[in-house]
Amino acid sequence: MNASRLSLYMQAVRGPLLLITLGVLCSLHEADMVSFRYTWPVLIIMVGLLVLIERAIAPPVPAAPNANAWAGYQASAGWKQTQPPAPQSGSWPQSGAKPPSAGGPQPGGSR
């Protein structure tokens, strides 16, 4: 049996194994051997063990060929630039305006 068939087999067996476990726990409760309120965590442990076995048996998922290939892709808008373009040398965002450090009143200056 290869890994994928064994993994599918474990998925198919999970439900019946849990029902058998539940039946055994209910039988123990009815026979007044152990109360169900003390044994119900066994069901959670069984689920955890079965999932752990499934993941250990499952074939490995192939990795993406290039992890950064989709770095600039946004699903809603498609491809976009990830960084804004660098400003041109000597330009200021407002045409004809001076940068704040080039004169004019300074906050906290003299009155």
PDB file of N, CA and C in Angstrom:
ATOM      1  N   MET A   1       0.833  -1.182   0.000  1.00  0.00           N
ATOM      2  CA  MET A   1       0.000   0.000   0.000  1.00  0.00           C
ATOM      3  C   MET A   1       0.877   1.244   0.000  1.00  0.00           C
ATOM      4  N   ASN A   2       0.590   2.166  -0.896  1.00  0.00           N
ATOM      5  CA  ASN A   2       1.364   3.409  -0.891  1.00  0.00           C
ATOM      6  C   ASN A   2       0.788   4.373   0.139  1.00  0.00           C
ATOM      7  N   ALA A   3       1.479   5.501   0.349  1.00  0.00           N
ATOM      8  CA  ALA A   3       1.133   6.419   1.434  1.00  0.00           C
ATOM      9  C   ALA A   3      -0.246   7.048   1.246  1.00  0.00           C
ATOM     10  N   SER A   4      -0.614   7.409   0.013  1.00  0.00           N
ATOM     11  CA  SER A   4      -1.904   8.077  -0.182  1.00  0.00           C
ATOM     12  C   SER A   4      -3.070   7.112   0.058  1.00  0.00           C
ATOM     13  N   ARG A   5      -2.923   5.854  -0.340  1.00  0.00           N
ATOM     14  CA  ARG A   5      -3.990   4.879  -0.093  1.00  0.00           C
ATOM     15  C   ARG A   5      -4.122   4.581   1.385  1.00  0.00           C
ATOM     16  N   LEU A   6      -2.990   4.524   2.076  1.00  0.00           N
ATOM     17  CA  LEU A   6      -3.017   4.273   3.512  1.00  0.00           C
ATOM     18  C   LEU A   6      -3.650   5.447   4.252  1.00  0.00           C
ATOM     19  N   SER A   7      -3.382   6.654   3.785  1.00  0.00           N
ATOM     20  CA  SER A   7      -3.986   7.838   4.384  1.00  0.00           C
ATOM     21  C   SER A   7      -5.502   7.835   4.171  1.00  0.00           C
ATOM     22  N   LEU A   8      -5.943   7.473   2.973  1.00  0.00           N
ATOM     23  CA  LEU A   8      -7.384   7.381   2.708  1.00  0.00           C
ATOM     24  C   LEU A   8      -8.026   6.283   3.545  1.00  0.00           C
ATOM     25  N   TYR A   9      -7.306   5.198   3.745  1.00  0.00           N
ATOM     26  CA  TYR A   9      -7.802   4.108   4.580  1.00  0.00           C
ATOM     27  C   TYR A   9      -7.995   4.593   6.023  1.00  0.00           C
ATOM     28  N   MET A  10      -7.041   5.364   6.531  1.00  0.00           N
ATOM     29  CA  MET A  10      -7.156   5.884   7.892  1.00  0.00           C
ATOM     30  C   MET A  10      -8.347   6.827   8.022  1.00  0.00           C
ATOM     31  N   GLN A  11      -8.617   7.625   6.998  1.00  0.00           N
ATOM     32  CA  GLN A  11      -9.785   8.504   7.029  1.00  0.00           C
ATOM     33  C   GLN A  11     -11.072   7.690   7.041  1.00  0.00           C
ATOM     34  N   ALA A  12     -11.092   6.589   6.311  1.00  0.00           N
ATOM     35  CA  ALA A  12     -12.285   5.761   6.240  1.00  0.00           C
ATOM     36  C   ALA A  12     -12.518   4.995   7.548  1.00  0.00           C
ATOM     37  N   VAL A  13     -11.462   4.698   8.273  1.00  0.00           N
ATOM     38  CA  VAL A  13     -11.564   3.898   9.488  1.00  0.00           C
ATOM     39  C   VAL A  13     -11.854   4.771  10.716  1.00  0.00           C
ATOM     40  N   ARG A  14     -11.632   6.064  10.606  1.00  0.00           N
ATOM     41  CA  ARG A  14     -11.767   6.954  11.764  1.00  0.00           C
ATOM     42  C   ARG A  14     -13.155   6.880  12.395  1.00  0.00           C
ATOM     43  N   GLY A  15     -14.199   6.989  11.614  1.00  0.00           N
ATOM     44  CA  GLY A  15     -15.567   6.965  12.147  1.00  0.00           C
ATOM     45  C   GLY A  15     -15.913   5.667  12.860  1.00  0.00           C
ATOM     46  N   PRO A  16     -15.695   4.518  12.216  1.00  0.00           N
ATOM     47  CA  PRO A  16     -15.991   3.261  12.907  1.00  0.00           C
ATOM     48  C   PRO A  16     -15.187   3.062  14.193  1.00  0.00           C
ATOM     49  N   LEU A  17     -13.917   3.469  14.203  1.00  0.00           N
ATOM     50  CA  LEU A  17     -13.134   3.329  15.430  1.00  0.00           C
ATOM     51  C   LEU A  17     -13.690   4.196  16.554  1.00  0.00           C
ATOM     52  N   LEU A  18     -14.140   5.399  16.219  1.00  0.00           N
ATOM     53  CA  LEU A  18     -14.731   6.261  17.236  1.00  0.00           C
ATOM     54  C   LEU A  18     -16.052   5.688  17.756  1.00  0.00           C
ATOM     55  N   LEU A  19     -16.855   5.082  16.871  1.00  0.00           N
ATOM     56  CA  LEU A  19     -18.106   4.462  17.320  1.00  0.00           C
ATOM     57  C   LEU A  19     -17.845   3.254  18.210  1.00  0.00           C
ATOM     58  N   ILE A  20     -16.834   2.466  17.874  1.00  0.00           N
ATOM     59  CA  ILE A  20     -16.476   1.315  18.721  1.00  0.00           C
ATOM     60  C   ILE A  20     -16.016   1.810  20.094  1.00  0.00           C
ATOM     61  N   THR A  21     -15.198   2.855  20.108  1.00  0.00           N
ATOM     62  CA  THR A  21     -14.731   3.405  21.380  1.00  0.00           C
ATOM     63  C   THR A  21     -15.904   3.924  22.203  1.00  0.00           C
ATOM     64  N   LEU A  22     -16.821   4.651  21.560  1.00  0.00           N
ATOM     65  CA  LEU A  22     -17.998   5.149  22.257  1.00  0.00           C
ATOM     66  C   LEU A  22     -18.832   3.994  22.815  1.00  0.00           C
ATOM     67  N   GLY A  23     -18.994   2.936  22.035  1.00  0.00           N
ATOM     68  CA  GLY A  23     -19.750   1.766  22.496  1.00  0.00           C
ATOM     69  C   GLY A  23     -19.106   1.108  23.700  1.00  0.00           C
ATOM     70  N   VAL A  24     -17.783   0.985  23.700  1.00  0.00           N
ATOM     71  CA  VAL A  24     -17.082   0.383  24.834  1.00  0.00           C
ATOM     72  C   VAL A  24     -17.252   1.267  26.078  1.00  0.00           C
ATOM     73  N   LEU A  25     -17.129   2.584  25.901  1.00  0.00           N
ATOM     74  CA  LEU A  25     -17.286   3.486  27.043  1.00  0.00           C
ATOM     75  C   LEU A  25     -18.708   3.447  27.602  1.00  0.00           C
ATOM     76  N   CYS A  26     -19.702   3.380  26.724  1.00  0.00           N
ATOM     77  CA  CYS A  26     -21.091   3.278  27.188  1.00  0.00           C
ATOM     78  C   CYS A  26     -21.354   1.941  27.871  1.00  0.00           C
ATOM     79  N   SER A  27     -20.757   0.874  27.368  1.00  0.00           N
ATOM     80  CA  SER A  27     -20.906  -0.441  28.012  1.00  0.00           C
ATOM     81  C   SER A  27     -20.281  -0.444  29.397  1.00  0.00           C
ATOM     82  N   LEU A  28     -19.124   0.181  29.538  1.00  0.00           N
ATOM     83  CA  LEU A  28     -18.491   0.283  30.855  1.00  0.00           C
ATOM     84  C   LEU A  28     -19.360   1.097  31.814  1.00  0.00           C
ATOM     85  N   HIS A  29     -20.016   2.134  31.291  1.00  0.00           N
ATOM     86  CA  HIS A  29     -20.899   2.957  32.117  1.00  0.00           C
ATOM     87  C   HIS A  29     -22.122   2.155  32.567  1.00  0.00           C
ATOM     88  N   GLU A  30     -22.723   1.406  31.647  1.00  0.00           N
ATOM     89  CA  GLU A  30     -23.914   0.621  31.971  1.00  0.00           C
ATOM     90  C   GLU A  30     -23.600  -0.526  32.929  1.00  0.00           C
ATOM     91  N   ALA A  31     -22.400  -1.042  32.886  1.00  0.00           N
ATOM     92  CA  ALA A  31     -22.015  -2.133  33.780  1.00  0.00           C
ATOM     93  C   ALA A  31     -21.570  -1.603  35.145  1.00  0.00           C
ATOM     94  N   ASP A  32     -21.693  -0.299  35.356  1.00  0.00           N
ATOM     95  CA  ASP A  32     -21.284   0.372  36.593  1.00  0.00           C
ATOM     96  C   ASP A  32     -19.822   0.113  36.941  1.00  0.00           C
ATOM     97  N   MET A  33     -18.993  -0.015  35.906  1.00  0.00           N
ATOM     98  CA  MET A  33     -17.556  -0.179  36.142  1.00  0.00           C
ATOM     99  C   MET A  33     -16.881   1.188  36.233  1.00  0.00           C
ATOM    100  N   VAL A  34     -17.186   2.051  35.268  1.00  0.00           N
ATOM    101  CA  VAL A  34     -16.621   3.402  35.225  1.00  0.00           C
ATOM    102  C   VAL A  34     -17.714   4.331  34.703  1.00  0.00           C
ATOM    103  N   SER A  35     -17.841   5.504  35.331  1.00  0.00           N
ATOM    104  CA  SER A  35     -18.839   6.463  34.884  1.00  0.00           C
ATOM    105  C   SER A  35     -18.369   7.125  33.577  1.00  0.00           C
ATOM    106  N   PHE A  36     -19.329   7.425  32.705  1.00  0.00           N
ATOM    107  CA  PHE A  36     -18.991   8.043  31.422  1.00  0.00           C
ATOM    108  C   PHE A  36     -18.407   9.429  31.616  1.00  0.00           C
ATOM    109  N   ARG A  37     -18.778  10.106  32.700  1.00  0.00           N
ATOM    110  CA  ARG A  37     -18.265  11.459  32.901  1.00  0.00           C
ATOM    111  C   ARG A  37     -16.772  11.473  33.195  1.00  0.00           C
ATOM    112  N   TYR A  38     -16.207  10.320  33.534  1.00  0.00           N
ATOM    113  CA  TYR A  38     -14.757  10.227  33.729  1.00  0.00           C
ATOM    114  C   TYR A  38     -14.033   9.695  32.498  1.00  0.00           C
ATOM    115  N   THR A  39     -14.763   9.064  31.585  1.00  0.00           N
ATOM    116  CA  THR A  39     -14.101   8.418  30.442  1.00  0.00           C
ATOM    117  C   THR A  39     -14.294   9.139  29.119  1.00  0.00           C
ATOM    118  N   TRP A  40     -15.141  10.189  29.045  1.00  0.00           N
ATOM    119  CA  TRP A  40     -15.373  10.848  27.754  1.00  0.00           C
ATOM    120  C   TRP A  40     -14.108  11.458  27.162  1.00  0.00           C
ATOM    121  N   PRO A  41     -13.097  11.878  27.959  1.00  0.00           N
ATOM    122  CA  PRO A  41     -11.881  12.390  27.317  1.00  0.00           C
ATOM    123  C   PRO A  41     -11.169  11.356  26.442  1.00  0.00           C
ATOM    124  N   VAL A  42     -11.480  10.086  26.638  1.00  0.00           N
ATOM    125  CA  VAL A  42     -10.883   9.045  25.782  1.00  0.00           C
ATOM    126  C   VAL A  42     -11.273   9.277  24.324  1.00  0.00           C
ATOM    127  N   LEU A  43     -12.480   9.782  24.072  1.00  0.00           N
ATOM    128  CA  LEU A  43     -12.910  10.071  22.696  1.00  0.00           C
ATOM    129  C   LEU A  43     -12.040  11.165  22.079  1.00  0.00           C
ATOM    130  N   ILE A  44     -11.739  12.204  22.845  1.00  0.00           N
ATOM    131  CA  ILE A  44     -10.891  13.286  22.335  1.00  0.00           C
ATOM    132  C   ILE A  44      -9.479  12.763  22.067  1.00  0.00           C
ATOM    133  N   ILE A  45      -8.987  11.912  22.952  1.00  0.00           N
ATOM    134  CA  ILE A  45      -7.654  11.329  22.761  1.00  0.00           C
ATOM    135  C   ILE A  45      -7.635  10.464  21.505  1.00  0.00           C
ATOM    136  N   MET A  46      -8.703   9.700  21.278  1.00  0.00           N
ATOM    137  CA  MET A  46      -8.773   8.857  20.069  1.00  0.00           C
ATOM    138  C   MET A  46      -8.771   9.708  18.800  1.00  0.00           C
ATOM    139  N   VAL A  47      -9.532  10.788  18.791  1.00  0.00           N
ATOM    140  CA  VAL A  47      -9.554  11.670  17.620  1.00  0.00           C
ATOM    141  C   VAL A  47      -8.152  12.219  17.378  1.00  0.00           C
ATOM    142  N   GLY A  48      -7.492  12.682  18.431  1.00  0.00           N
ATOM    143  CA  GLY A  48      -6.136  13.220  18.281  1.00  0.00           C
ATOM    144  C   GLY A  48      -5.160  12.192  17.756  1.00  0.00           C
ATOM    145  N   LEU A  49      -5.223  10.974  18.269  1.00  0.00           N
ATOM    146  CA  LEU A  49      -4.319   9.929  17.796  1.00  0.00           C
ATOM    147  C   LEU A  49      -4.569   9.571  16.337  1.00  0.00           C
ATOM    148  N   LEU A  50      -5.842   9.477  15.960  1.00  0.00           N
ATOM    149  CA  LEU A  50      -6.153   9.129  14.571  1.00  0.00           C
ATOM    150  C   LEU A  50      -5.707  10.223  13.606  1.00  0.00           C
ATOM    151  N   VAL A  51      -5.897  11.486  13.978  1.00  0.00           N
ATOM    152  CA  VAL A  51      -5.451  12.593  13.116  1.00  0.00           C
ATOM    153  C   VAL A  51      -3.926  12.593  13.040  1.00  0.00           C
ATOM    154  N   LEU A  52      -3.270  12.336  14.161  1.00  0.00           N
ATOM    155  CA  LEU A  52      -1.809  12.275  14.175  1.00  0.00           C
ATOM    156  C   LEU A  52      -1.285  11.162  13.265  1.00  0.00           C
ATOM    157  N   ILE A  53      -1.924  10.011  13.311  1.00  0.00           N
ATOM    158  CA  ILE A  53      -1.515   8.893  12.446  1.00  0.00           C
ATOM    159  C   ILE A  53      -1.756   9.243  10.980  1.00  0.00           C
ATOM    160  N   GLU A  54      -2.910   9.862  10.678  1.00  0.00           N
ATOM    161  CA  GLU A  54      -3.196  10.267   9.296  1.00  0.00           C
ATOM    162  C   GLU A  54      -2.125  11.203   8.751  1.00  0.00           C
ATOM    163  N   ARG A  55      -1.749  12.190   9.558  1.00  0.00           N
ATOM    164  CA  ARG A  55      -0.754  13.165   9.095  1.00  0.00           C
ATOM    165  C   ARG A  55       0.625  12.552   8.975  1.00  0.00           C
ATOM    166  N   ALA A  56       0.925  11.574   9.806  1.00  0.00           N
ATOM    167  CA  ALA A  56       2.228  10.919   9.710  1.00  0.00           C
ATOM    168  C   ALA A  56       2.308  10.049   8.458  1.00  0.00           C
ATOM    169  N   ILE A  57       1.184   9.490   8.063  1.00  0.00           N
ATOM    170  CA  ILE A  57       1.151   8.589   6.910  1.00  0.00           C
ATOM    171  C   ILE A  57       0.991   9.346   5.598  1.00  0.00           C
ATOM    172  N   ALA A  58       0.313  10.489   5.638  1.00  0.00           N
ATOM    173  CA  ALA A  58      -0.020  11.229   4.414  1.00  0.00           C
ATOM    174  C   ALA A  58       1.238  11.580   3.622  1.00  0.00           C
ATOM    175  N   PRO A  59       1.132  11.561   2.284  1.00  0.00           N
ATOM    176  CA  PRO A  59       2.282  11.949   1.466  1.00  0.00           C
ATOM    177  C   PRO A  59       2.591  13.427   1.669  1.00  0.00           C
ATOM    178  N   PRO A  60       3.861  13.804   1.592  1.00  0.00           N
ATOM    179  CA  PRO A  60       4.209  15.209   1.790  1.00  0.00           C
ATOM    180  C   PRO A  60       3.648  16.094   0.677  1.00  0.00           C
ATOM    181  N   VAL A  61       3.280  17.293   1.058  1.00  0.00           N
ATOM    182  CA  VAL A  61       2.757  18.267   0.102  1.00  0.00           C
ATOM    183  C   VAL A  61       3.949  18.925  -0.584  1.00  0.00           C
ATOM    184  N   PRO A  62       3.980  18.957  -1.921  1.00  0.00           N
ATOM    185  CA  PRO A  62       5.123  19.584  -2.593  1.00  0.00           C
ATOM    186  C   PRO A  62       5.171  21.083  -2.315  1.00  0.00           C
ATOM    187  N   ALA A  63       6.357  21.587  -2.097  1.00  0.00           N
ATOM    188  CA  ALA A  63       6.549  23.011  -1.821  1.00  0.00           C
ATOM    189  C   ALA A  63       6.434  23.805  -3.114  1.00  0.00           C
ATOM    190  N   ALA A  64       6.105  25.078  -2.967  1.00  0.00           N
ATOM    191  CA  ALA A  64       6.024  25.958  -4.129  1.00  0.00           C
ATOM    192  C   ALA A  64       7.425  26.138  -4.714  1.00  0.00           C
ATOM    193  N   PRO A  65       7.560  26.211  -6.047  1.00  0.00           N
ATOM    194  CA  PRO A  65       8.887  26.329  -6.636  1.00  0.00           C
ATOM    195  C   PRO A  65       9.612  27.611  -6.228  1.00  0.00           C
ATOM    196  N   ASN A  66       8.881  28.704  -6.068  1.00  0.00           N
ATOM    197  CA  ASN A  66       9.487  29.960  -5.655  1.00  0.00           C
ATOM    198  C   ASN A  66       8.551  30.600  -4.644  1.00  0.00           C
ATOM    199  N   ALA A  67       8.974  30.640  -3.398  1.00  0.00           N
ATOM    200  CA  ALA A  67       8.102  31.136  -2.338  1.00  0.00           C
ATOM    201  C   ALA A  67       7.773  32.614  -2.510  1.00  0.00           C
ATOM    202  N   ASN A  68       8.638  33.396  -3.142  1.00  0.00           N
ATOM    203  CA  ASN A  68       8.400  34.829  -3.309  1.00  0.00           C
ATOM    204  C   ASN A  68       7.740  35.171  -4.639  1.00  0.00           C
ATOM    205  N   ALA A  69       7.316  34.186  -5.388  1.00  0.00           N
ATOM    206  CA  ALA A  69       6.747  34.449  -6.708  1.00  0.00           C
ATOM    207  C   ALA A  69       5.455  35.262  -6.622  1.00  0.00           C
ATOM    208  N   TRP A  70       4.708  35.124  -5.539  1.00  0.00           N
ATOM    209  CA  TRP A  70       3.433  35.813  -5.406  1.00  0.00           C
ATOM    210  C   TRP A  70       3.535  37.004  -4.457  1.00  0.00           C
ATOM    211  N   ALA A  71       4.708  37.490  -4.172  1.00  0.00           N
ATOM    212  CA  ALA A  71       4.884  38.558  -3.185  1.00  0.00           C
ATOM    213  C   ALA A  71       4.173  39.843  -3.592  1.00  0.00           C
ATOM    214  N   GLY A  72       4.149  40.197  -4.856  1.00  0.00           N
ATOM    215  CA  GLY A  72       3.528  41.444  -5.282  1.00  0.00           C
ATOM    216  C   GLY A  72       2.110  41.286  -5.771  1.00  0.00           C
ATOM    217  N   TYR A  73       1.535  40.108  -5.649  1.00  0.00           N
ATOM    218  CA  TYR A  73       0.204  39.857  -6.177  1.00  0.00           C
ATOM    219  C   TYR A  73      -0.850  40.099  -5.117  1.00  0.00           C
ATOM    220  N   GLN A  74      -1.877  40.871  -5.464  1.00  0.00           N
ATOM    221  CA  GLN A  74      -3.020  41.065  -4.592  1.00  0.00           C
ATOM    222  C   GLN A  74      -4.223  40.480  -5.312  1.00  0.00           C
ATOM    223  N   ALA A  75      -4.920  39.585  -4.661  1.00  0.00           N
ATOM    224  CA  ALA A  75      -5.988  38.841  -5.314  1.00  0.00           C
ATOM    225  C   ALA A  75      -7.088  39.747  -5.856  1.00  0.00           C
ATOM    226  N   SER A  76      -7.384  40.839  -5.176  1.00  0.00           N
ATOM    227  CA  SER A  76      -8.502  41.668  -5.623  1.00  0.00           C
ATOM    228  C   SER A  76      -8.123  42.586  -6.782  1.00  0.00           C
ATOM    229  N   ALA A  77      -6.843  42.984  -6.870  1.00  0.00           N
ATOM    230  CA  ALA A  77      -6.482  43.982  -7.874  1.00  0.00           C
ATOM    231  C   ALA A  77      -5.432  43.498  -8.870  1.00  0.00           C
ATOM    232  N   GLY A  78      -4.912  42.327  -8.705  1.00  0.00           N
ATOM    233  CA  GLY A  78      -3.892  41.832  -9.625  1.00  0.00           C
ATOM    234  C   GLY A  78      -2.514  42.308  -9.219  1.00  0.00           C
ATOM    235  N   TRP A  79      -1.627  42.406 -10.185  1.00  0.00           N
ATOM    236  CA  TRP A  79      -0.246  42.783  -9.896  1.00  0.00           C
ATOM    237  C   TRP A  79      -0.144  44.275  -9.645  1.00  0.00           C
ATOM    238  N   LYS A  80       0.558  44.619  -8.571  1.00  0.00           N
ATOM    239  CA  LYS A  80       0.811  46.023  -8.239  1.00  0.00           C
ATOM    240  C   LYS A  80       2.258  46.147  -7.808  1.00  0.00           C
ATOM    241  N   GLN A  81       2.739  47.387  -7.866  1.00  0.00           N
ATOM    242  CA  GLN A  81       4.090  47.633  -7.396  1.00  0.00           C
ATOM    243  C   GLN A  81       4.115  47.456  -5.892  1.00  0.00           C
ATOM    244  N   THR A  82       5.168  46.809  -5.390  1.00  0.00           N
ATOM    245  CA  THR A  82       5.248  46.600  -3.953  1.00  0.00           C
ATOM    246  C   THR A  82       5.862  47.793  -3.255  1.00  0.00           C
ATOM    247  N   GLN A  83       6.642  48.629  -3.939  1.00  0.00           N
ATOM    248  CA  GLN A  83       7.235  49.822  -3.352  1.00  0.00           C
ATOM    249  C   GLN A  83       6.912  51.013  -4.240  1.00  0.00           C
ATOM    250  N   PRO A  84       6.695  52.184  -3.626  1.00  0.00           N
ATOM    251  CA  PRO A  84       6.435  53.364  -4.462  1.00  0.00           C
ATOM    252  C   PRO A  84       7.697  53.736  -5.227  1.00  0.00           C
ATOM    253  N   PRO A  85       7.553  54.408  -6.348  1.00  0.00           N
ATOM    254  CA  PRO A  85       8.735  54.793  -7.119  1.00  0.00           C
ATOM    255  C   PRO A  85       9.570  55.810  -6.348  1.00  0.00           C
ATOM    256  N   ALA A  86      10.866  55.774  -6.566  1.00  0.00           N
ATOM    257  CA  ALA A  86      11.778  56.709  -5.895  1.00  0.00           C
ATOM    258  C   ALA A  86      11.527  58.116  -6.431  1.00  0.00           C
ATOM    259  N   PRO A  87      11.589  59.154  -5.562  1.00  0.00           N
ATOM    260  CA  PRO A  87      11.356  60.525  -6.039  1.00  0.00           C
ATOM    261  C   PRO A  87      12.489  60.977  -6.947  1.00  0.00           C
ATOM    262  N   GLN A  88      12.140  61.849  -7.885  1.00  0.00           N
ATOM    263  CA  GLN A  88      13.136  62.408  -8.801  1.00  0.00           C
ATOM    264  C   GLN A  88      14.029  63.364  -8.022  1.00  0.00           C
ATOM    265  N   SER A  89      15.274  63.459  -8.411  1.00  0.00           N
ATOM    266  CA  SER A  89      16.187  64.353  -7.694  1.00  0.00           C
ATOM    267  C   SER A  89      15.768  65.808  -7.896  1.00  0.00           C
ATOM    268  N   GLY A  90      15.717  66.575  -6.810  1.00  0.00           N
ATOM    269  CA  GLY A  90      15.391  67.985  -6.875  1.00  0.00           C
ATOM    270  C   GLY A  90      13.915  68.280  -7.026  1.00  0.00           C
ATOM    271  N   SER A  91      13.044  67.310  -6.965  1.00  0.00           N
ATOM    272  CA  SER A  91      11.623  67.596  -7.125  1.00  0.00           C
ATOM    273  C   SER A  91      10.953  67.605  -5.753  1.00  0.00           C
ATOM    274  N   TRP A  92       9.891  68.311  -5.674  1.00  0.00           N
ATOM    275  CA  TRP A  92       9.091  68.378  -4.454  1.00  0.00           C
ATOM    276  C   TRP A  92       7.672  68.036  -4.866  1.00  0.00           C
ATOM    277  N   PRO A  93       6.897  67.360  -4.018  1.00  0.00           N
ATOM    278  CA  PRO A  93       5.564  66.908  -4.438  1.00  0.00           C
ATOM    279  C   PRO A  93       4.660  68.006  -4.961  1.00  0.00           C
ATOM    280  N   GLN A  94       4.747  69.220  -4.437  1.00  0.00           N
ATOM    281  CA  GLN A  94       3.890  70.293  -4.933  1.00  0.00           C
ATOM    282  C   GLN A  94       4.728  71.165  -5.862  1.00  0.00           C
ATOM    283  N   SER A  95       4.204  71.455  -7.012  1.00  0.00           N
ATOM    284  CA  SER A  95       4.983  72.240  -7.961  1.00  0.00           C
ATOM    285  C   SER A  95       5.115  73.685  -7.479  1.00  0.00           C
ATOM    286  N   GLY A  96       6.323  74.186  -7.415  1.00  0.00           N
ATOM    287  CA  GLY A  96       6.584  75.555  -7.027  1.00  0.00           C
ATOM    288  C   GLY A  96       6.621  75.773  -5.524  1.00  0.00           C
ATOM    289  N   ALA A  97       6.282  74.793  -4.711  1.00  0.00           N
ATOM    290  CA  ALA A  97       6.293  74.980  -3.261  1.00  0.00           C
ATOM    291  C   ALA A  97       7.683  74.688  -2.722  1.00  0.00           C
ATOM    292  N   LYS A  98       8.005  75.326  -1.614  1.00  0.00           N
ATOM    293  CA  LYS A  98       9.295  75.113  -0.976  1.00  0.00           C
ATOM    294  C   LYS A  98       9.155  74.043   0.101  1.00  0.00           C
ATOM    295  N   PRO A  99      10.210  73.305   0.339  1.00  0.00           N
ATOM    296  CA  PRO A  99      10.160  72.332   1.435  1.00  0.00           C
ATOM    297  C   PRO A  99       9.976  73.051   2.760  1.00  0.00           C
ATOM    298  N   PRO A 100       9.420  72.426   3.778  1.00  0.00           N
ATOM    299  CA  PRO A 100       9.155  73.071   5.049  1.00  0.00           C
ATOM    300  C   PRO A 100      10.398  73.656   5.705  1.00  0.00           C
ATOM    301  N   SER A 101      11.561  73.133   5.478  1.00  0.00           N
ATOM    302  CA  SER A 101      12.772  73.630   6.134  1.00  0.00           C
ATOM    303  C   SER A 101      13.333  74.865   5.433  1.00  0.00           C
ATOM    304  N   ALA A 102      12.770  75.305   4.333  1.00  0.00           N
ATOM    305  CA  ALA A 102      13.320  76.412   3.554  1.00  0.00           C
ATOM    306  C   ALA A 102      12.590  77.710   3.839  1.00  0.00           C
ATOM    307  N   GLY A 103      12.659  78.205   5.047  1.00  0.00           N
ATOM    308  CA  GLY A 103      12.068  79.507   5.368  1.00  0.00           C
ATOM    309  C   GLY A 103      10.636  79.403   5.808  1.00  0.00           C
ATOM    310  N   GLY A 104      10.074  80.574   6.161  1.00  0.00           N
ATOM    311  CA  GLY A 104       8.715  80.591   6.639  1.00  0.00           C
ATOM    312  C   GLY A 104       8.698  80.425   8.154  1.00  0.00           C
ATOM    313  N   PRO A 105       7.536  80.648   8.755  1.00  0.00           N
ATOM    314  CA  PRO A 105       7.456  80.546  10.214  1.00  0.00           C
ATOM    315  C   PRO A 105       7.673  79.110  10.678  1.00  0.00           C
ATOM    316  N   GLN A 106       8.420  78.972  11.723  1.00  0.00           N
ATOM    317  CA  GLN A 106       8.701  77.658  12.308  1.00  0.00           C
ATOM    318  C   GLN A 106       7.822  77.486  13.541  1.00  0.00           C
ATOM    319  N   PRO A 107       7.302  76.318  13.767  1.00  0.00           N
ATOM    320  CA  PRO A 107       6.496  76.105  14.969  1.00  0.00           C
ATOM    321  C   PRO A 107       7.386  76.249  16.205  1.00  0.00           C
ATOM    322  N   GLY A 108       6.876  76.925  17.218  1.00  0.00           N
ATOM    323  CA  GLY A 108       7.612  77.109  18.449  1.00  0.00           C
ATOM    324  C   GLY A 108       8.689  78.178  18.357  1.00  0.00           C
ATOM    325  N   GLY A 109       8.676  79.006  17.322  1.00  0.00           N
ATOM    326  CA  GLY A 109       9.676  80.043  17.126  1.00  0.00           C
ATOM    327  C   GLY A 109       9.402  81.268  17.994  1.00  0.00           C
ATOM    328  N   SER A 110      10.223  82.306  17.848  1.00  0.00           N
ATOM    329  CA  SER A 110      10.064  83.516  18.650  1.00  0.00           C
ATOM    330  C   SER A 110       8.871  84.321  18.170  1.00  0.00           C
ATOM    331  N   ARG A 111       8.327  85.168  19.072  1.00  0.00           N
ATOM    332  CA  ARG A 111       7.136  85.969  18.740  1.00  0.00           C
ATOM    333  C   ARG A 111       7.472  87.352  18.382  1.00  0.00           C
TER     334      ARG A 111
END
